[in-house]
Amino acid sequence: METNTNRRINKLNNLFQREIGAIIFRIIPQFEKKELLNITKVEISKDLEYANVFLSVYPEKYEKEAIKEIKKNLPEIRSILAKRLKLFKIPKINFKIDEGEKNLENIIQIERSLKNKNY
């Protein structure tokens, strides 16, 4: 059974995912040109102290560059987020590569190659 706290956190996770994605594409326009960046999920702690933001970046060779650029712009991202959401407290944001998404992509590639080899 979902409690009110869990429901609120889930709503905030979805809201942060949408807003952070929009902010990143607005202040770091390079992501539209050479690499595909997707915010796959957000996990905010129940006490609203921390938010883990999971990303997938394609091509994979741009992952480190993407994280570095996002971290460089983190103060601006938090500032815009605070203005847009009008929350009492904006969590400390930590950006991570979504390893689950990477693993899924690898499985899909293996499956495609097996189909091409008629296994």
PDB file of N, CA and C in Angstrom:
ATOM      1  N   MET A   1       0.832  -1.184   0.000  1.00  0.00           N
ATOM      2  CA  MET A   1       0.000   0.000   0.000  1.00  0.00           C
ATOM      3  C   MET A   1       0.875   1.246   0.000  1.00  0.00           C
ATOM      4  N   GLU A   2       0.551   2.181  -0.854  1.00  0.00           N
ATOM      5  CA  GLU A   2       1.349   3.394  -0.997  1.00  0.00           C
ATOM      6  C   GLU A   2       0.914   4.431   0.027  1.00  0.00           C
ATOM      7  N   THR A   3       1.869   4.933   0.805  1.00  0.00           N
ATOM      8  CA  THR A   3       1.556   5.954   1.797  1.00  0.00           C
ATOM      9  C   THR A   3       1.568   7.325   1.135  1.00  0.00           C
ATOM     10  N   ASN A   4       1.076   8.319   1.854  1.00  0.00           N
ATOM     11  CA  ASN A   4       1.084   9.693   1.331  1.00  0.00           C
ATOM     12  C   ASN A   4       2.500  10.175   1.046  1.00  0.00           C
ATOM     13  N   THR A   5       3.430   9.789   1.934  1.00  0.00           N
ATOM     14  CA  THR A   5       4.831  10.183   1.731  1.00  0.00           C
ATOM     15  C   THR A   5       5.379   9.575   0.451  1.00  0.00           C
ATOM     16  N   ASN A   6       5.121   8.278   0.241  1.00  0.00           N
ATOM     17  CA  ASN A   6       5.609   7.620  -0.971  1.00  0.00           C
ATOM     18  C   ASN A   6       4.974   8.226  -2.219  1.00  0.00           C
ATOM     19  N   ARG A   7       3.707   8.533  -2.144  1.00  0.00           N
ATOM     20  CA  ARG A   7       3.014   9.138  -3.284  1.00  0.00           C
ATOM     21  C   ARG A   7       3.631  10.503  -3.606  1.00  0.00           C
ATOM     22  N   ARG A   8       3.914  11.271  -2.559  1.00  0.00           N
ATOM     23  CA  ARG A   8       4.524  12.593  -2.752  1.00  0.00           C
ATOM     24  C   ARG A   8       5.916  12.462  -3.367  1.00  0.00           C
ATOM     25  N   ILE A   9       6.703  11.539  -2.853  1.00  0.00           N
ATOM     26  CA  ILE A   9       8.060  11.319  -3.392  1.00  0.00           C
ATOM     27  C   ILE A   9       7.988  10.892  -4.850  1.00  0.00           C
ATOM     28  N   ASN A  10       7.065   9.993  -5.183  1.00  0.00           N
ATOM     29  CA  ASN A  10       6.912   9.556  -6.581  1.00  0.00           C
ATOM     30  C   ASN A  10       6.544  10.724  -7.483  1.00  0.00           C
ATOM     31  N   LYS A  11       5.656  11.588  -7.029  1.00  0.00           N
ATOM     32  CA  LYS A  11       5.289  12.772  -7.820  1.00  0.00           C
ATOM     33  C   LYS A  11       6.487  13.696  -7.994  1.00  0.00           C
ATOM     34  N   LEU A  12       7.249  13.884  -6.907  1.00  0.00           N
ATOM     35  CA  LEU A  12       8.445  14.725  -6.999  1.00  0.00           C
ATOM     36  C   LEU A  12       9.481  14.106  -7.929  1.00  0.00           C
ATOM     37  N   ASN A  13       9.658  12.790  -7.866  1.00  0.00           N
ATOM     38  CA  ASN A  13      10.601  12.121  -8.770  1.00  0.00           C
ATOM     39  C   ASN A  13      10.251  12.417 -10.226  1.00  0.00           C
ATOM     40  N   ASN A  14       8.968  12.270 -10.565  1.00  0.00           N
ATOM     41  CA  ASN A  14       8.530  12.528 -11.947  1.00  0.00           C
ATOM     42  C   ASN A  14       8.678  13.992 -12.323  1.00  0.00           C
ATOM     43  N   LEU A  15       8.324  14.877 -11.397  1.00  0.00           N
ATOM     44  CA  LEU A  15       8.440  16.312 -11.658  1.00  0.00           C
ATOM     45  C   LEU A  15       9.901  16.713 -11.863  1.00  0.00           C
ATOM     46  N   PHE A  16      10.781  16.232 -10.992  1.00  0.00           N
ATOM     47  CA  PHE A  16      12.214  16.537 -11.119  1.00  0.00           C
ATOM     48  C   PHE A  16      12.763  15.994 -12.435  1.00  0.00           C
ATOM     49  N   GLN A  17      12.359  14.797 -12.812  1.00  0.00           N
ATOM     50  CA  GLN A  17      12.831  14.205 -14.060  1.00  0.00           C
ATOM     51  C   GLN A  17      12.489  15.102 -15.240  1.00  0.00           C
ATOM     52  N   ARG A  18      11.256  15.542 -15.293  1.00  0.00           N
ATOM     53  CA  ARG A  18      10.814  16.412 -16.386  1.00  0.00           C
ATOM     54  C   ARG A  18      11.526  17.761 -16.368  1.00  0.00           C
ATOM     55  N   GLU A  19      11.544  18.393 -15.204  1.00  0.00           N
ATOM     56  CA  GLU A  19      12.107  19.743 -15.092  1.00  0.00           C
ATOM     57  C   GLU A  19      13.617  19.764 -15.301  1.00  0.00           C
ATOM     58  N   ILE A  20      14.330  18.817 -14.709  1.00  0.00           N
ATOM     59  CA  ILE A  20      15.790  18.791 -14.867  1.00  0.00           C
ATOM     60  C   ILE A  20      16.150  18.552 -16.328  1.00  0.00           C
ATOM     61  N   GLY A  21      15.425  17.665 -16.996  1.00  0.00           N
ATOM     62  CA  GLY A  21      15.676  17.444 -18.421  1.00  0.00           C
ATOM     63  C   GLY A  21      15.487  18.718 -19.230  1.00  0.00           C
ATOM     64  N   ALA A  22      14.402  19.435 -18.973  1.00  0.00           N
ATOM     65  CA  ALA A  22      14.137  20.686 -19.704  1.00  0.00           C
ATOM     66  C   ALA A  22      15.208  21.732 -19.415  1.00  0.00           C
ATOM     67  N   ILE A  23      15.628  21.818 -18.174  1.00  0.00           N
ATOM     68  CA  ILE A  23      16.654  22.803 -17.793  1.00  0.00           C
ATOM     69  C   ILE A  23      17.981  22.470 -18.462  1.00  0.00           C
ATOM     70  N   ILE A  24      18.376  21.207 -18.420  1.00  0.00           N
ATOM     71  CA  ILE A  24      19.657  20.802 -19.026  1.00  0.00           C
ATOM     72  C   ILE A  24      19.675  21.155 -20.510  1.00  0.00           C
ATOM     73  N   PHE A  25      18.595  20.845 -21.218  1.00  0.00           N
ATOM     74  CA  PHE A  25      18.584  21.120 -22.656  1.00  0.00           C
ATOM     75  C   PHE A  25      18.549  22.613 -22.949  1.00  0.00           C
ATOM     76  N   ARG A  26      18.040  23.395 -22.012  1.00  0.00           N
ATOM     77  CA  ARG A  26      18.015  24.844 -22.215  1.00  0.00           C
ATOM     78  C   ARG A  26      19.381  25.484 -21.974  1.00  0.00           C
ATOM     79  N   ILE A  27      20.072  25.054 -20.909  1.00  0.00           N
ATOM     80  CA  ILE A  27      21.334  25.726 -20.577  1.00  0.00           C
ATOM     81  C   ILE A  27      22.565  25.051 -21.169  1.00  0.00           C
ATOM     82  N   ILE A  28      22.423  23.808 -21.641  1.00  0.00           N
ATOM     83  CA  ILE A  28      23.554  23.102 -22.266  1.00  0.00           C
ATOM     84  C   ILE A  28      23.088  22.609 -23.639  1.00  0.00           C
ATOM     85  N   PRO A  29      23.019  23.491 -24.609  1.00  0.00           N
ATOM     86  CA  PRO A  29      22.446  23.123 -25.915  1.00  0.00           C
ATOM     87  C   PRO A  29      23.241  22.087 -26.700  1.00  0.00           C
ATOM     88  N   GLN A  30      24.473  21.807 -26.332  1.00  0.00           N
ATOM     89  CA  GLN A  30      25.278  20.840 -27.081  1.00  0.00           C
ATOM     90  C   GLN A  30      24.653  19.455 -27.095  1.00  0.00           C
ATOM     91  N   PHE A  31      23.824  19.146 -26.110  1.00  0.00           N
ATOM     92  CA  PHE A  31      23.224  17.815 -26.061  1.00  0.00           C
ATOM     93  C   PHE A  31      22.262  17.567 -27.212  1.00  0.00           C
ATOM     94  N   GLU A  32      21.765  18.604 -27.818  1.00  0.00           N
ATOM     95  CA  GLU A  32      20.876  18.421 -28.956  1.00  0.00           C
ATOM     96  C   GLU A  32      21.653  18.155 -30.250  1.00  0.00           C
ATOM     97  N   LYS A  33      22.943  18.461 -30.238  1.00  0.00           N
ATOM     98  CA  LYS A  33      23.707  18.423 -31.481  1.00  0.00           C
ATOM     99  C   LYS A  33      24.503  17.133 -31.681  1.00  0.00           C
ATOM    100  N   LYS A  34      25.278  16.724 -30.657  1.00  0.00           N
ATOM    101  CA  LYS A  34      26.189  15.607 -30.914  1.00  0.00           C
ATOM    102  C   LYS A  34      25.901  14.361 -30.093  1.00  0.00           C
ATOM    103  N   GLU A  35      25.152  14.509 -29.012  1.00  0.00           N
ATOM    104  CA  GLU A  35      24.864  13.332 -28.219  1.00  0.00           C
ATOM    105  C   GLU A  35      23.421  13.341 -27.747  1.00  0.00           C
ATOM    106  N   LEU A  36      22.926  12.180 -27.538  1.00  0.00           N
ATOM    107  CA  LEU A  36      21.563  12.010 -27.055  1.00  0.00           C
ATOM    108  C   LEU A  36      21.643  11.771 -25.563  1.00  0.00           C
ATOM    109  N   LEU A  37      20.968  12.612 -24.798  1.00  0.00           N
ATOM    110  CA  LEU A  37      20.963  12.484 -23.353  1.00  0.00           C
ATOM    111  C   LEU A  37      19.526  12.297 -22.904  1.00  0.00           C
ATOM    112  N   ASN A  38      19.322  11.347 -22.000  1.00  0.00           N
ATOM    113  CA  ASN A  38      17.983  11.081 -21.493  1.00  0.00           C
ATOM    114  C   ASN A  38      18.061  10.909 -19.983  1.00  0.00           C
ATOM    115  N   ILE A  39      17.173  11.571 -19.277  1.00  0.00           N
ATOM    116  CA  ILE A  39      17.058  11.364 -17.836  1.00  0.00           C
ATOM    117  C   ILE A  39      16.147  10.150 -17.673  1.00  0.00           C
ATOM    118  N   THR A  40      16.687   9.033 -17.238  1.00  0.00           N
ATOM    119  CA  THR A  40      15.905   7.803 -17.176  1.00  0.00           C
ATOM    120  C   THR A  40      15.067   7.702 -15.909  1.00  0.00           C
ATOM    121  N   LYS A  41      15.589   8.220 -14.797  1.00  0.00           N
ATOM    122  CA  LYS A  41      14.796   8.226 -13.564  1.00  0.00           C
ATOM    123  C   LYS A  41      15.443   9.148 -12.537  1.00  0.00           C
ATOM    124  N   VAL A  42      14.648   9.503 -11.543  1.00  0.00           N
ATOM    125  CA  VAL A  42      15.116  10.305 -10.417  1.00  0.00           C
ATOM    126  C   VAL A  42      14.663   9.602  -9.151  1.00  0.00           C
ATOM    127  N   GLU A  43      15.560   9.532  -8.177  1.00  0.00           N
ATOM    128  CA  GLU A  43      15.232   8.944  -6.882  1.00  0.00           C
ATOM    129  C   GLU A  43      15.557   9.964  -5.798  1.00  0.00           C
ATOM    130  N   ILE A  44      14.512  10.534  -5.217  1.00  0.00           N
ATOM    131  CA  ILE A  44      14.668  11.527  -4.157  1.00  0.00           C
ATOM    132  C   ILE A  44      14.513  10.812  -2.819  1.00  0.00           C
ATOM    133  N   SER A  45      15.401  11.133  -1.879  1.00  0.00           N
ATOM    134  CA  SER A  45      15.306  10.524  -0.550  1.00  0.00           C
ATOM    135  C   SER A  45      14.052  11.035   0.167  1.00  0.00           C
ATOM    136  N   LYS A  46      13.542  10.242   1.093  1.00  0.00           N
ATOM    137  CA  LYS A  46      12.300  10.599   1.800  1.00  0.00           C
ATOM    138  C   LYS A  46      12.430  11.903   2.579  1.00  0.00           C
ATOM    139  N   ASP A  47      13.644  12.211   3.051  1.00  0.00           N
ATOM    140  CA  ASP A  47      13.839  13.459   3.794  1.00  0.00           C
ATOM    141  C   ASP A  47      14.132  14.650   2.878  1.00  0.00           C
ATOM    142  N   LEU A  48      14.082  14.413   1.570  1.00  0.00           N
ATOM    143  CA  LEU A  48      14.317  15.446   0.544  1.00  0.00           C
ATOM    144  C   LEU A  48      15.719  16.046   0.591  1.00  0.00           C
ATOM    145  N   GLU A  49      16.664  15.331   1.193  1.00  0.00           N
ATOM    146  CA  GLU A  49      18.041  15.821   1.264  1.00  0.00           C
ATOM    147  C   GLU A  49      18.805  15.572  -0.034  1.00  0.00           C
ATOM    148  N   TYR A  50      18.548  14.431  -0.666  1.00  0.00           N
ATOM    149  CA  TYR A  50      19.319  14.025  -1.834  1.00  0.00           C
ATOM    150  C   TYR A  50      18.416  13.587  -2.982  1.00  0.00           C
ATOM    151  N   ALA A  51      18.915  13.812  -4.189  1.00  0.00           N
ATOM    152  CA  ALA A  51      18.234  13.313  -5.384  1.00  0.00           C
ATOM    153  C   ALA A  51      19.291  12.701  -6.295  1.00  0.00           C
ATOM    154  N   ASN A  52      19.116  11.434  -6.609  1.00  0.00           N
ATOM    155  CA  ASN A  52      19.976  10.784  -7.592  1.00  0.00           C
ATOM    156  C   ASN A  52      19.270  10.859  -8.935  1.00  0.00           C
ATOM    157  N   VAL A  53      19.951  11.462  -9.898  1.00  0.00           N
ATOM    158  CA  VAL A  53      19.392  11.625 -11.242  1.00  0.00           C
ATOM    159  C   VAL A  53      20.184  10.701 -12.161  1.00  0.00           C
ATOM    160  N   PHE A  54      19.475   9.740 -12.758  1.00  0.00           N
ATOM    161  CA  PHE A  54      20.116   8.739 -13.605  1.00  0.00           C
ATOM    162  C   PHE A  54      19.974   9.132 -15.068  1.00  0.00           C
ATOM    163  N   LEU A  55      21.096   9.051 -15.795  1.00  0.00           N
ATOM    164  CA  LEU A  55      21.155   9.469 -17.196  1.00  0.00           C
ATOM    165  C   LEU A  55      21.563   8.315 -18.091  1.00  0.00           C
ATOM    166  N   SER A  56      21.110   8.390 -19.311  1.00  0.00           N
ATOM    167  CA  SER A  56      21.710   7.561 -20.351  1.00  0.00           C
ATOM    168  C   SER A  56      22.201   8.527 -21.423  1.00  0.00           C
ATOM    169  N   VAL A  57      23.377   8.232 -21.942  1.00  0.00           N
ATOM    170  CA  VAL A  57      24.006   9.095 -22.951  1.00  0.00           C
ATOM    171  C   VAL A  57      24.389   8.212 -24.128  1.00  0.00           C
ATOM    172  N   TYR A  58      24.043   8.680 -25.319  1.00  0.00           N
ATOM    173  CA  TYR A  58      24.403   7.946 -26.532  1.00  0.00           C
ATOM    174  C   TYR A  58      24.997   8.923 -27.532  1.00  0.00           C
ATOM    175  N   PRO A  59      26.081   8.628 -28.138  1.00  0.00           N
ATOM    176  CA  PRO A  59      26.944   7.469 -27.978  1.00  0.00           C
ATOM    177  C   PRO A  59      27.615   7.456 -26.598  1.00  0.00           C
ATOM    178  N   GLU A  60      27.899   6.275 -26.162  1.00  0.00           N
ATOM    179  CA  GLU A  60      28.466   6.039 -24.837  1.00  0.00           C
ATOM    180  C   GLU A  60      29.775   6.796 -24.602  1.00  0.00           C
ATOM    181  N   LYS A  61      30.514   7.051 -25.667  1.00  0.00           N
ATOM    182  CA  LYS A  61      31.818   7.721 -25.511  1.00  0.00           C
ATOM    183  C   LYS A  61      31.675   9.140 -24.963  1.00  0.00           C
ATOM    184  N   TYR A  62      30.460   9.700 -24.956  1.00  0.00           N
ATOM    185  CA  TYR A  62      30.243  11.057 -24.446  1.00  0.00           C
ATOM    186  C   TYR A  62      29.773  11.084 -22.995  1.00  0.00           C
ATOM    187  N   GLU A  63      29.691   9.940 -22.335  1.00  0.00           N
ATOM    188  CA  GLU A  63      29.171   9.899 -20.965  1.00  0.00           C
ATOM    189  C   GLU A  63      29.964  10.785 -20.005  1.00  0.00           C
ATOM    190  N   LYS A  64      31.280  10.611 -19.962  1.00  0.00           N
ATOM    191  CA  LYS A  64      32.105  11.387 -19.022  1.00  0.00           C
ATOM    192  C   LYS A  64      31.992  12.877 -19.305  1.00  0.00           C
ATOM    193  N   GLU A  65      32.015  13.241 -20.573  1.00  0.00           N
ATOM    194  CA  GLU A  65      31.891  14.643 -20.968  1.00  0.00           C
ATOM    195  C   GLU A  65      30.537  15.210 -20.542  1.00  0.00           C
ATOM    196  N   ALA A  66      29.488  14.422 -20.715  1.00  0.00           N
ATOM    197  CA  ALA A  66      28.136  14.871 -20.351  1.00  0.00           C
ATOM    198  C   ALA A  66      28.034  15.098 -18.846  1.00  0.00           C
ATOM    199  N   ILE A  67      28.507  14.149 -18.056  1.00  0.00           N
ATOM    200  CA  ILE A  67      28.465  14.286 -16.592  1.00  0.00           C
ATOM    201  C   ILE A  67      29.281  15.497 -16.152  1.00  0.00           C
ATOM    202  N   LYS A  68      30.451  15.666 -16.738  1.00  0.00           N
ATOM    203  CA  LYS A  68      31.318  16.789 -16.380  1.00  0.00           C
ATOM    204  C   LYS A  68      30.621  18.126 -16.686  1.00  0.00           C
ATOM    205  N   GLU A  69      30.010  18.236 -17.841  1.00  0.00           N
ATOM    206  CA  GLU A  69      29.318  19.469 -18.239  1.00  0.00           C
ATOM    207  C   GLU A  69      28.110  19.748 -17.343  1.00  0.00           C
ATOM    208  N   ILE A  70      27.378  18.698 -17.014  1.00  0.00           N
ATOM    209  CA  ILE A  70      26.206  18.869 -16.142  1.00  0.00           C
ATOM    210  C   ILE A  70      26.646  19.298 -14.742  1.00  0.00           C
ATOM    211  N   LYS A  71      27.677  18.662 -14.209  1.00  0.00           N
ATOM    212  CA  LYS A  71      28.165  19.019 -12.873  1.00  0.00           C
ATOM    213  C   LYS A  71      28.691  20.450 -12.843  1.00  0.00           C
ATOM    214  N   LYS A  72      29.317  20.879 -13.934  1.00  0.00           N
ATOM    215  CA  LYS A  72      29.805  22.248 -14.029  1.00  0.00           C
ATOM    216  C   LYS A  72      28.647  23.250 -13.938  1.00  0.00           C
ATOM    217  N   ASN A  73      27.490  22.869 -14.470  1.00  0.00           N
ATOM    218  CA  ASN A  73      26.316  23.733 -14.486  1.00  0.00           C
ATOM    219  C   ASN A  73      25.332  23.449 -13.345  1.00  0.00           C
ATOM    220  N   LEU A  74      25.728  22.621 -12.391  1.00  0.00           N
ATOM    221  CA  LEU A  74      24.829  22.220 -11.314  1.00  0.00           C
ATOM    222  C   LEU A  74      24.270  23.395 -10.504  1.00  0.00           C
ATOM    223  N   PRO A  75      25.081  24.391 -10.131  1.00  0.00           N
ATOM    224  CA  PRO A  75      24.497  25.520  -9.386  1.00  0.00           C
ATOM    225  C   PRO A  75      23.365  26.214 -10.157  1.00  0.00           C
ATOM    226  N   GLU A  76      23.544  26.392 -11.442  1.00  0.00           N
ATOM    227  CA  GLU A  76      22.503  27.024 -12.253  1.00  0.00           C
ATOM    228  C   GLU A  76      21.279  26.112 -12.374  1.00  0.00           C
ATOM    229  N   ILE A  77      21.502  24.818 -12.522  1.00  0.00           N
ATOM    230  CA  ILE A  77      20.393  23.856 -12.604  1.00  0.00           C
ATOM    231  C   ILE A  77      19.562  23.917 -11.319  1.00  0.00           C
ATOM    232  N   ARG A  78      20.228  23.900 -10.163  1.00  0.00           N
ATOM    233  CA  ARG A  78      19.512  23.964  -8.876  1.00  0.00           C
ATOM    234  C   ARG A  78      18.777  25.281  -8.711  1.00  0.00           C
ATOM    235  N   SER A  79      19.404  26.367  -9.134  1.00  0.00           N
ATOM    236  CA  SER A  79      18.777  27.689  -9.010  1.00  0.00           C
ATOM    237  C   SER A  79      17.491  27.771  -9.836  1.00  0.00           C
ATOM    238  N   ILE A  80      17.565  27.340 -11.084  1.00  0.00           N
ATOM    239  CA  ILE A  80      16.382  27.367 -11.957  1.00  0.00           C
ATOM    240  C   ILE A  80      15.314  26.424 -11.413  1.00  0.00           C
ATOM    241  N   LEU A  81      15.729  25.273 -10.935  1.00  0.00           N
ATOM    242  CA  LEU A  81      14.796  24.298 -10.374  1.00  0.00           C
ATOM    243  C   LEU A  81      14.063  24.900  -9.162  1.00  0.00           C
ATOM    244  N   ALA A  82      14.802  25.578  -8.312  1.00  0.00           N
ATOM    245  CA  ALA A  82      14.194  26.205  -7.122  1.00  0.00           C
ATOM    246  C   ALA A  82      13.155  27.250  -7.524  1.00  0.00           C
ATOM    247  N   LYS A  83      13.466  28.047  -8.544  1.00  0.00           N
ATOM    248  CA  LYS A  83      12.518  29.076  -8.997  1.00  0.00           C
ATOM    249  C   LYS A  83      11.276  28.449  -9.615  1.00  0.00           C
ATOM    250  N   ARG A  84      11.460  27.389 -10.391  1.00  0.00           N
ATOM    251  CA  ARG A  84      10.325  26.762 -11.073  1.00  0.00           C
ATOM    252  C   ARG A  84       9.410  26.003 -10.118  1.00  0.00           C
ATOM    253  N   LEU A  85       9.999  25.304  -9.153  1.00  0.00           N
ATOM    254  CA  LEU A  85       9.208  24.409  -8.318  1.00  0.00           C
ATOM    255  C   LEU A  85       8.719  25.039  -7.020  1.00  0.00           C
ATOM    256  N   LYS A  86       9.370  26.105  -6.598  1.00  0.00           N
ATOM    257  CA  LYS A  86       8.972  26.803  -5.378  1.00  0.00           C
ATOM    258  C   LYS A  86       8.835  25.858  -4.178  1.00  0.00           C
ATOM    259  N   LEU A  87       9.814  24.997  -4.022  1.00  0.00           N
ATOM    260  CA  LEU A  87       9.842  24.083  -2.890  1.00  0.00           C
ATOM    261  C   LEU A  87      10.608  24.718  -1.737  1.00  0.00           C
ATOM    262  N   PHE A  88      10.303  24.271  -0.535  1.00  0.00           N
ATOM    263  CA  PHE A  88      10.999  24.763   0.653  1.00  0.00           C
ATOM    264  C   PHE A  88      12.483  24.452   0.573  1.00  0.00           C
ATOM    265  N   LYS A  89      12.787  23.261   0.086  1.00  0.00           N
ATOM    266  CA  LYS A  89      14.182  22.826   0.018  1.00  0.00           C
ATOM    267  C   LYS A  89      14.399  22.053  -1.279  1.00  0.00           C
ATOM    268  N   ILE A  90      15.474  22.373  -1.992  1.00  0.00           N
ATOM    269  CA  ILE A  90      15.866  21.620  -3.185  1.00  0.00           C
ATOM    270  C   ILE A  90      16.956  20.628  -2.752  1.00  0.00           C
ATOM    271  N   PRO A  91      16.752  19.358  -3.039  1.00  0.00           N
ATOM    272  CA  PRO A  91      17.743  18.349  -2.624  1.00  0.00           C
ATOM    273  C   PRO A  91      19.103  18.558  -3.295  1.00  0.00           C
ATOM    274  N   LYS A  92      20.129  18.020  -2.660  1.00  0.00           N
ATOM    275  CA  LYS A  92      21.452  17.970  -3.286  1.00  0.00           C
ATOM    276  C   LYS A  92      21.343  16.953  -4.420  1.00  0.00           C
ATOM    277  N   ILE A  93      21.750  17.364  -5.601  1.00  0.00           N
ATOM    278  CA  ILE A  93      21.554  16.532  -6.782  1.00  0.00           C
ATOM    279  C   ILE A  93      22.855  15.838  -7.164  1.00  0.00           C
ATOM    280  N   ASN A  94      22.748  14.537  -7.395  1.00  0.00           N
ATOM    281  CA  ASN A  94      23.882  13.733  -7.818  1.00  0.00           C
ATOM    282  C   ASN A  94      23.516  13.070  -9.151  1.00  0.00           C
ATOM    283  N   PHE A  95      24.301  13.332 -10.180  1.00  0.00           N
ATOM    284  CA  PHE A  95      24.045  12.744 -11.496  1.00  0.00           C
ATOM    285  C   PHE A  95      24.861  11.471 -11.658  1.00  0.00           C
ATOM    286  N   LYS A  96      24.198  10.432 -12.171  1.00  0.00           N
ATOM    287  CA  LYS A  96      24.845   9.133 -12.366  1.00  0.00           C
ATOM    288  C   LYS A  96      24.429   8.566 -13.719  1.00  0.00           C
ATOM    289  N   ILE A  97      25.310   7.772 -14.285  1.00  0.00           N
ATOM    290  CA  ILE A  97      24.960   7.035 -15.497  1.00  0.00           C
ATOM    291  C   ILE A  97      24.083   5.857 -15.085  1.00  0.00           C
ATOM    292  N   ASP A  98      22.995   5.669 -15.790  1.00  0.00           N
ATOM    293  CA  ASP A  98      22.067   4.574 -15.498  1.00  0.00           C
ATOM    294  C   ASP A  98      22.637   3.288 -16.074  1.00  0.00           C
ATOM    295  N   GLU A  99      23.275   2.503 -15.217  1.00  0.00           N
ATOM    296  CA  GLU A  99      23.907   1.256 -15.656  1.00  0.00           C
ATOM    297  C   GLU A  99      22.863   0.247 -16.126  1.00  0.00           C
ATOM    298  N   GLY A 100      21.691   0.254 -15.527  1.00  0.00           N
ATOM    299  CA  GLY A 100      20.623  -0.647 -15.942  1.00  0.00           C
ATOM    300  C   GLY A 100      20.219  -0.395 -17.379  1.00  0.00           C
ATOM    301  N   GLU A 101      20.151   0.870 -17.745  1.00  0.00           N
ATOM    302  CA  GLU A 101      19.805   1.246 -19.115  1.00  0.00           C
ATOM    303  C   GLU A 101      20.908   0.793 -20.074  1.00  0.00           C
ATOM    304  N   LYS A 102      22.169   0.937 -19.656  1.00  0.00           N
ATOM    305  CA  LYS A 102      23.289   0.472 -20.486  1.00  0.00           C
ATOM    306  C   LYS A 102      23.228  -1.031 -20.684  1.00  0.00           C
ATOM    307  N   ASN A 103      22.946  -1.756 -19.606  1.00  0.00           N
ATOM    308  CA  ASN A 103      22.866  -3.215 -19.696  1.00  0.00           C
ATOM    309  C   ASN A 103      21.727  -3.639 -20.611  1.00  0.00           C
ATOM    310  N   LEU A 104      20.598  -2.949 -20.539  1.00  0.00           N
ATOM    311  CA  LEU A 104      19.467  -3.253 -21.406  1.00  0.00           C
ATOM    312  C   LEU A 104      19.857  -3.053 -22.873  1.00  0.00           C
ATOM    313  N   GLU A 105      20.557  -1.977 -23.157  1.00  0.00           N
ATOM    314  CA  GLU A 105      20.991  -1.698 -24.531  1.00  0.00           C
ATOM    315  C   GLU A 105      21.931  -2.798 -25.026  1.00  0.00           C
ATOM    316  N   ASN A 106      22.828  -3.256 -24.151  1.00  0.00           N
ATOM    317  CA  ASN A 106      23.741  -4.347 -24.534  1.00  0.00           C
ATOM    318  C   ASN A 106      22.972  -5.624 -24.850  1.00  0.00           C
ATOM    319  N   ILE A 107      21.965  -5.931 -24.053  1.00  0.00           N
ATOM    320  CA  ILE A 107      21.143  -7.127 -24.289  1.00  0.00           C
ATOM    321  C   ILE A 107      20.415  -7.017 -25.625  1.00  0.00           C
ATOM    322  N   ILE A 108      19.881  -5.846 -25.908  1.00  0.00           N
ATOM    323  CA  ILE A 108      19.178  -5.626 -27.181  1.00  0.00           C
ATOM    324  C   ILE A 108      20.127  -5.803 -28.358  1.00  0.00           C
ATOM    325  N   GLN A 109      21.354  -5.284 -28.235  1.00  0.00           N
ATOM    326  CA  GLN A 109      22.334  -5.434 -29.315  1.00  0.00           C
ATOM    327  C   GLN A 109      22.698  -6.900 -29.527  1.00  0.00           C
ATOM    328  N   ILE A 110      22.869  -7.647 -28.446  1.00  0.00           N
ATOM    329  CA  ILE A 110      23.190  -9.071 -28.567  1.00  0.00           C
ATOM    330  C   ILE A 110      22.036  -9.811 -29.235  1.00  0.00           C
ATOM    331  N   GLU A 111      20.832  -9.490 -28.805  1.00  0.00           N
ATOM    332  CA  GLU A 111      19.644 -10.128 -29.391  1.00  0.00           C
ATOM    333  C   GLU A 111      19.555  -9.844 -30.900  1.00  0.00           C
ATOM    334  N   ARG A 112      19.825  -8.621 -31.290  1.00  0.00           N
ATOM    335  CA  ARG A 112      19.792  -8.252 -32.727  1.00  0.00           C
ATOM    336  C   ARG A 112      20.846  -9.021 -33.503  1.00  0.00           C
ATOM    337  N   SER A 113      22.046  -9.133 -32.919  1.00  0.00           N
ATOM    338  CA  SER A 113      23.101  -9.842 -33.659  1.00  0.00           C
ATOM    339  C   SER A 113      22.768 -11.320 -33.786  1.00  0.00           C
ATOM    340  N   LEU A 114      22.135 -11.899 -32.761  1.00  0.00           N
ATOM    341  CA  LEU A 114      21.727 -13.303 -32.850  1.00  0.00           C
ATOM    342  C   LEU A 114      20.646 -13.496 -33.920  1.00  0.00           C
ATOM    343  N   LYS A 115      19.721 -12.560 -33.987  1.00  0.00           N
ATOM    344  CA  LYS A 115      18.670 -12.640 -35.013  1.00  0.00           C
ATOM    345  C   LYS A 115      19.282 -12.535 -36.408  1.00  0.00           C
ATOM    346  N   ASN A 116      20.272 -11.663 -36.549  1.00  0.00           N
ATOM    347  CA  ASN A 116      20.931 -11.500 -37.857  1.00  0.00           C
ATOM    348  C   ASN A 116      21.710 -12.752 -38.260  1.00  0.00           C
ATOM    349  N   LYS A 117      22.145 -13.528 -37.264  1.00  0.00           N
ATOM    350  CA  LYS A 117      22.884 -14.750 -37.558  1.00  0.00           C
ATOM    351  C   LYS A 117      21.943 -15.953 -37.625  1.00  0.00           C
ATOM    352  N   ASN A 118      20.646 -15.706 -37.501  1.00  0.00           N
ATOM    353  CA  ASN A 118      19.591 -16.733 -37.584  1.00  0.00           C
ATOM    354  C   ASN A 118      19.735 -17.822 -36.532  1.00  0.00           C
ATOM    355  N   TYR A 119      20.048 -17.445 -35.297  1.00  0.00           N
ATOM    356  CA  TYR A 119      20.117 -18.415 -34.190  1.00  0.00           C
ATOM    357  C   TYR A 119      18.743 -18.608 -33.632  1.00  0.00           C
TER     358      TYR A 119
END
